[in-house]
Amino acid sequence: MSTFIHKSHNVSVLMYHIVCPTKYRKAVFTEEVDTELKNICIDISNRYEIIFIEIVADKDHVHFLIQSVPMYSPKKIVQIIKSISAREIFKRCPEVKKQLWGGPFWSDGYFVSTVGKHGDEEMIKKYVKNQGNDDYKQFHKQSVEKSEQLMVW
């Protein structure tokens, strides 16, 4: 479950859904490779401020639900995960490198999407659009107060 990450000058809840396919969409995720990937992600989490909320591997791709800090862009998070996991999987499961003909583990591409904790795109759009509107402020005063109570600085 995501949490508020408190830093000296900011509080954030930044979550991403990331999907990374293997090179050639080769089905390399066995139970052993899946277990090793999860262990590698624990190591990444300990070293970087990247929290893995969920990791689910299909045969030829992986879905990650990740929370991180504002100093890492989504691209940087993907680079960290893909580079470290590829190197470590090849080291820990050498048969995978043979399956990929000695080439890279991950495909060049990936999918990334932000995940909202406090609302969807339409709700946020409406909130931003109605800033300064007194009727709207009064109507949503209670929900804003509840949100502020959650944010303990």
C-alpha atoms as a PDB file:
ATOM      1  CA  MET A   1       0.000   0.000   0.000  1.00  0.00           C
ATOM      2  CA  SER A   2       1.283   3.450  -0.855  1.00  0.00           C
ATOM      3  CA  THR A   3       2.186   5.949   1.825  1.00  0.00           C
ATOM      4  CA  PHE A   4       3.107   9.610   2.005  1.00  0.00           C
ATOM      5  CA  ILE A   5       6.859   9.999   1.567  1.00  0.00           C
ATOM      6  CA  HIS A   6       8.077  12.879   3.718  1.00  0.00           C
ATOM      7  CA  LYS A   7      11.228  14.772   2.747  1.00  0.00           C
ATOM      8  CA  SER A   8      12.650  17.996   4.141  1.00  0.00           C
ATOM      9  CA  HIS A   9      10.771  20.215   1.658  1.00  0.00           C
ATOM     10  CA  ASN A  10       8.048  18.052   0.142  1.00  0.00           C
ATOM     11  CA  VAL A  11       5.515  15.315   0.714  1.00  0.00           C
ATOM     12  CA  SER A  12       4.629  13.046  -2.181  1.00  0.00           C
ATOM     13  CA  VAL A  13       2.626  10.032  -3.269  1.00  0.00           C
ATOM     14  CA  LEU A  14       3.920   9.283  -6.762  1.00  0.00           C
ATOM     15  CA  MET A  15       2.895   5.902  -8.131  1.00  0.00           C
ATOM     16  CA  TYR A  16       3.509   4.362 -11.538  1.00  0.00           C
ATOM     17  CA  HIS A  17       2.285   1.307 -13.384  1.00  0.00           C
ATOM     18  CA  ILE A  18       5.211   0.081 -15.480  1.00  0.00           C
ATOM     19  CA  VAL A  19       5.190  -2.809 -17.940  1.00  0.00           C
ATOM     20  CA  CYS A  20       8.475  -4.153 -19.285  1.00  0.00           C
ATOM     21  CA  PRO A  21       8.545  -6.828 -22.003  1.00  0.00           C
ATOM     22  CA  THR A  22      11.464  -9.208 -22.440  1.00  0.00           C
ATOM     23  CA  LYS A  23      13.559  -9.012 -25.588  1.00  0.00           C
ATOM     24  CA  TYR A  24      11.804 -10.666 -28.547  1.00  0.00           C
ATOM     25  CA  ARG A  25       8.871 -11.212 -26.143  1.00  0.00           C
ATOM     26  CA  LYS A  26      10.625 -14.441 -25.242  1.00  0.00           C
ATOM     27  CA  ALA A  27       8.824 -16.410 -22.496  1.00  0.00           C
ATOM     28  CA  VAL A  28      11.634 -16.593 -19.923  1.00  0.00           C
ATOM     29  CA  PHE A  29       9.748 -16.062 -16.667  1.00  0.00           C
ATOM     30  CA  THR A  30       9.794 -19.375 -14.921  1.00  0.00           C
ATOM     31  CA  GLU A  31       9.056 -19.665 -11.211  1.00  0.00           C
ATOM     32  CA  GLU A  32      12.809 -19.430 -10.489  1.00  0.00           C
ATOM     33  CA  VAL A  33      13.322 -16.316 -12.650  1.00  0.00           C
ATOM     34  CA  ASP A  34      10.210 -14.710 -11.136  1.00  0.00           C
ATOM     35  CA  THR A  35      11.525 -15.339  -7.605  1.00  0.00           C
ATOM     36  CA  GLU A  36      14.940 -13.932  -8.486  1.00  0.00           C
ATOM     37  CA  LEU A  37      13.356 -10.842 -10.058  1.00  0.00           C
ATOM     38  CA  LYS A  38      11.425 -10.178  -6.850  1.00  0.00           C
ATOM     39  CA  ASN A  39      14.615 -10.603  -4.776  1.00  0.00           C
ATOM     40  CA  ILE A  40      16.437  -8.203  -7.097  1.00  0.00           C
ATOM     41  CA  CYS A  41      13.612  -5.680  -6.694  1.00  0.00           C
ATOM     42  CA  ILE A  42      13.995  -5.898  -2.907  1.00  0.00           C
ATOM     43  CA  ASP A  43      17.695  -5.064  -3.369  1.00  0.00           C
ATOM     44  CA  ILE A  44      16.796  -2.135  -5.653  1.00  0.00           C
ATOM     45  CA  SER A  45      14.274  -0.901  -3.096  1.00  0.00           C
ATOM     46  CA  ASN A  46      16.910  -1.001  -0.352  1.00  0.00           C
ATOM     47  CA  ARG A  47      19.392   0.941  -2.479  1.00  0.00           C
ATOM     48  CA  TYR A  48      17.094   3.485  -4.165  1.00  0.00           C
ATOM     49  CA  GLU A  49      13.946   5.247  -3.055  1.00  0.00           C
ATOM     50  CA  ILE A  50      11.789   2.985  -5.190  1.00  0.00           C
ATOM     51  CA  ILE A  51       9.064   1.023  -3.425  1.00  0.00           C
ATOM     52  CA  PHE A  52       7.652  -2.003  -5.216  1.00  0.00           C
ATOM     53  CA  ILE A  53       3.986  -2.291  -4.232  1.00  0.00           C
ATOM     54  CA  GLU A  54       3.264  -5.164  -6.641  1.00  0.00           C
ATOM     55  CA  ILE A  55       5.342  -7.212  -9.076  1.00  0.00           C
ATOM     56  CA  VAL A  56       3.567  -9.656 -11.361  1.00  0.00           C
ATOM     57  CA  ALA A  57       5.411 -11.513 -14.105  1.00  0.00           C
ATOM     58  CA  ASP A  58       3.695 -13.069 -17.071  1.00  0.00           C
ATOM     59  CA  LYS A  59       5.700 -15.378 -19.332  1.00  0.00           C
ATOM     60  CA  ASP A  60       7.147 -12.576 -21.472  1.00  0.00           C
ATOM     61  CA  HIS A  61       6.602  -9.319 -19.547  1.00  0.00           C
ATOM     62  CA  VAL A  62       6.349  -7.888 -16.033  1.00  0.00           C
ATOM     63  CA  HIS A  63       3.904  -5.453 -14.443  1.00  0.00           C
ATOM     64  CA  PHE A  64       5.304  -3.277 -11.672  1.00  0.00           C
ATOM     65  CA  LEU A  65       3.273  -1.015  -9.388  1.00  0.00           C
ATOM     66  CA  ILE A  66       5.856   1.369  -7.992  1.00  0.00           C
ATOM     67  CA  GLN A  67       5.997   4.330  -5.665  1.00  0.00           C
ATOM     68  CA  SER A  68       8.956   6.675  -5.720  1.00  0.00           C
ATOM     69  CA  VAL A  69      10.163  10.181  -4.921  1.00  0.00           C
ATOM     70  CA  PRO A  70      10.011  13.294  -7.167  1.00  0.00           C
ATOM     71  CA  MET A  71      13.754  13.283  -7.829  1.00  0.00           C
ATOM     72  CA  TYR A  72      13.365  10.175 -10.064  1.00  0.00           C
ATOM     73  CA  SER A  73      11.572  10.604 -13.347  1.00  0.00           C
ATOM     74  CA  PRO A  74       9.565   7.617 -14.608  1.00  0.00           C
ATOM     75  CA  LYS A  75      12.238   7.115 -17.290  1.00  0.00           C
ATOM     76  CA  LYS A  76      14.985   7.009 -14.647  1.00  0.00           C
ATOM     77  CA  ILE A  77      13.008   4.483 -12.576  1.00  0.00           C
ATOM     78  CA  VAL A  78      12.637   2.224 -15.623  1.00  0.00           C
ATOM     79  CA  GLN A  79      16.356   2.551 -16.410  1.00  0.00           C
ATOM     80  CA  ILE A  80      17.316   1.598 -12.857  1.00  0.00           C
ATOM     81  CA  ILE A  81      14.990  -1.395 -12.766  1.00  0.00           C
ATOM     82  CA  LYS A  82      15.834  -2.704 -16.232  1.00  0.00           C
ATOM     83  CA  SER A  83      19.609  -2.314 -16.016  1.00  0.00           C
ATOM     84  CA  ILE A  84      20.067  -3.814 -12.553  1.00  0.00           C
ATOM     85  CA  SER A  85      17.528  -6.602 -13.004  1.00  0.00           C
ATOM     86  CA  ALA A  86      18.960  -7.672 -16.387  1.00  0.00           C
ATOM     87  CA  ARG A  87      22.505  -7.842 -15.065  1.00  0.00           C
ATOM     88  CA  GLU A  88      21.459  -9.736 -11.932  1.00  0.00           C
ATOM     89  CA  ILE A  89      19.110 -12.184 -13.666  1.00  0.00           C
ATOM     90  CA  PHE A  90      21.865 -13.115 -16.122  1.00  0.00           C
ATOM     91  CA  LYS A  91      24.214 -13.601 -13.183  1.00  0.00           C
ATOM     92  CA  ARG A  92      21.774 -15.625 -11.052  1.00  0.00           C
ATOM     93  CA  CYS A  93      20.016 -17.546 -13.863  1.00  0.00           C
ATOM     94  CA  PRO A  94      22.597 -18.071 -16.651  1.00  0.00           C
ATOM     95  CA  GLU A  95      20.231 -20.282 -18.671  1.00  0.00           C
ATOM     96  CA  VAL A  96      18.136 -17.181 -19.427  1.00  0.00           C
ATOM     97  CA  LYS A  97      21.029 -15.559 -21.324  1.00  0.00           C
ATOM     98  CA  LYS A  98      21.200 -18.674 -23.527  1.00  0.00           C
ATOM     99  CA  GLN A  99      17.464 -18.458 -24.224  1.00  0.00           C
ATOM    100  CA  LEU A 100      17.991 -14.878 -25.416  1.00  0.00           C
ATOM    101  CA  TRP A 101      20.936 -15.858 -27.648  1.00  0.00           C
ATOM    102  CA  GLY A 102      23.383 -13.892 -25.492  1.00  0.00           C
ATOM    103  CA  GLY A 103      21.568 -10.603 -26.126  1.00  0.00           C
ATOM    104  CA  PRO A 104      19.834  -8.152 -23.815  1.00  0.00           C
ATOM    105  CA  PHE A 105      17.191  -9.258 -21.305  1.00  0.00           C
ATOM    106  CA  TRP A 106      14.647  -6.461 -21.750  1.00  0.00           C
ATOM    107  CA  SER A 107      13.116  -5.008 -24.880  1.00  0.00           C
ATOM    108  CA  ASP A 108      13.961  -1.344 -25.522  1.00  0.00           C
ATOM    109  CA  GLY A 109      10.353  -0.306 -25.030  1.00  0.00           C
ATOM    110  CA  TYR A 110       8.156  -0.073 -21.957  1.00  0.00           C
ATOM    111  CA  PHE A 111       4.778   1.244 -20.823  1.00  0.00           C
ATOM    112  CA  VAL A 112       4.397   3.702 -17.948  1.00  0.00           C
ATOM    113  CA  SER A 113       1.317   5.343 -16.511  1.00  0.00           C
ATOM    114  CA  THR A 114       0.721   7.393 -13.405  1.00  0.00           C
ATOM    115  CA  VAL A 115      -1.606   5.958 -10.800  1.00  0.00           C
ATOM    116  CA  GLY A 116      -3.755   8.287  -8.727  1.00  0.00           C
ATOM    117  CA  LYS A 117      -4.395   7.740  -5.049  1.00  0.00           C
ATOM    118  CA  HIS A 118      -6.829  10.598  -4.492  1.00  0.00           C
ATOM    119  CA  GLY A 119      -8.828  10.768  -7.696  1.00  0.00           C
ATOM    120  CA  ASP A 120      -9.006  10.247 -11.393  1.00  0.00           C
ATOM    121  CA  GLU A 121      -8.202  12.638 -14.217  1.00  0.00           C
ATOM    122  CA  GLU A 122     -11.720  14.089 -14.459  1.00  0.00           C
ATOM    123  CA  MET A 123     -11.935  14.832 -10.725  1.00  0.00           C
ATOM    124  CA  ILE A 124      -8.534  16.580 -10.681  1.00  0.00           C
ATOM    125  CA  LYS A 125      -9.364  18.480 -13.882  1.00  0.00           C
ATOM    126  CA  LYS A 126     -12.600  19.737 -12.315  1.00  0.00           C
ATOM    127  CA  TYR A 127     -10.779  20.684  -9.105  1.00  0.00           C
ATOM    128  CA  VAL A 128      -8.103  22.684 -10.955  1.00  0.00           C
ATOM    129  CA  LYS A 129     -10.622  24.322 -13.305  1.00  0.00           C
ATOM    130  CA  ASN A 130     -12.786  25.514 -10.399  1.00  0.00           C
ATOM    131  CA  GLN A 131     -10.025  27.061  -8.303  1.00  0.00           C
ATOM    132  CA  GLY A 132     -11.149  30.513  -7.194  1.00  0.00           C
ATOM    133  CA  ASN A 133     -14.852  29.685  -7.555  1.00  0.00           C
ATOM    134  CA  ASP A 134     -16.392  30.384  -4.108  1.00  0.00           C
ATOM    135  CA  ASP A 135     -19.377  28.051  -4.639  1.00  0.00           C
ATOM    136  CA  TYR A 136     -17.072  25.205  -5.556  1.00  0.00           C
ATOM    137  CA  LYS A 137     -14.760  25.913  -2.602  1.00  0.00           C
ATOM    138  CA  GLN A 138     -17.664  25.795  -0.159  1.00  0.00           C
ATOM    139  CA  PHE A 139     -19.066  22.616  -1.714  1.00  0.00           C
ATOM    140  CA  HIS A 140     -15.737  20.768  -1.459  1.00  0.00           C
ATOM    141  CA  LYS A 141     -14.527  22.276   1.816  1.00  0.00           C
ATOM    142  CA  GLN A 142     -15.156  19.078   3.776  1.00  0.00           C
ATOM    143  CA  SER A 143     -13.302  16.822   1.326  1.00  0.00           C
ATOM    144  CA  VAL A 144     -10.357  19.248   1.229  1.00  0.00           C
ATOM    145  CA  GLU A 145     -10.219  19.313   5.037  1.00  0.00           C
ATOM    146  CA  LYS A 146     -10.185  15.510   5.125  1.00  0.00           C
ATOM    147  CA  SER A 147      -7.316  15.418   2.611  1.00  0.00           C
ATOM    148  CA  GLU A 148      -5.354  17.976   4.611  1.00  0.00           C
ATOM    149  CA  GLN A 149      -5.803  15.908   7.753  1.00  0.00           C
ATOM    150  CA  LEU A 150      -4.148  13.002   5.935  1.00  0.00           C
ATOM    151  CA  MET A 151      -1.134  15.151   5.041  1.00  0.00           C
ATOM    152  CA  VAL A 152       0.839  15.390   8.239  1.00  0.00           C
ATOM    153  CA  TRP A 153       3.771  17.681   7.519  1.00  0.00           C
END
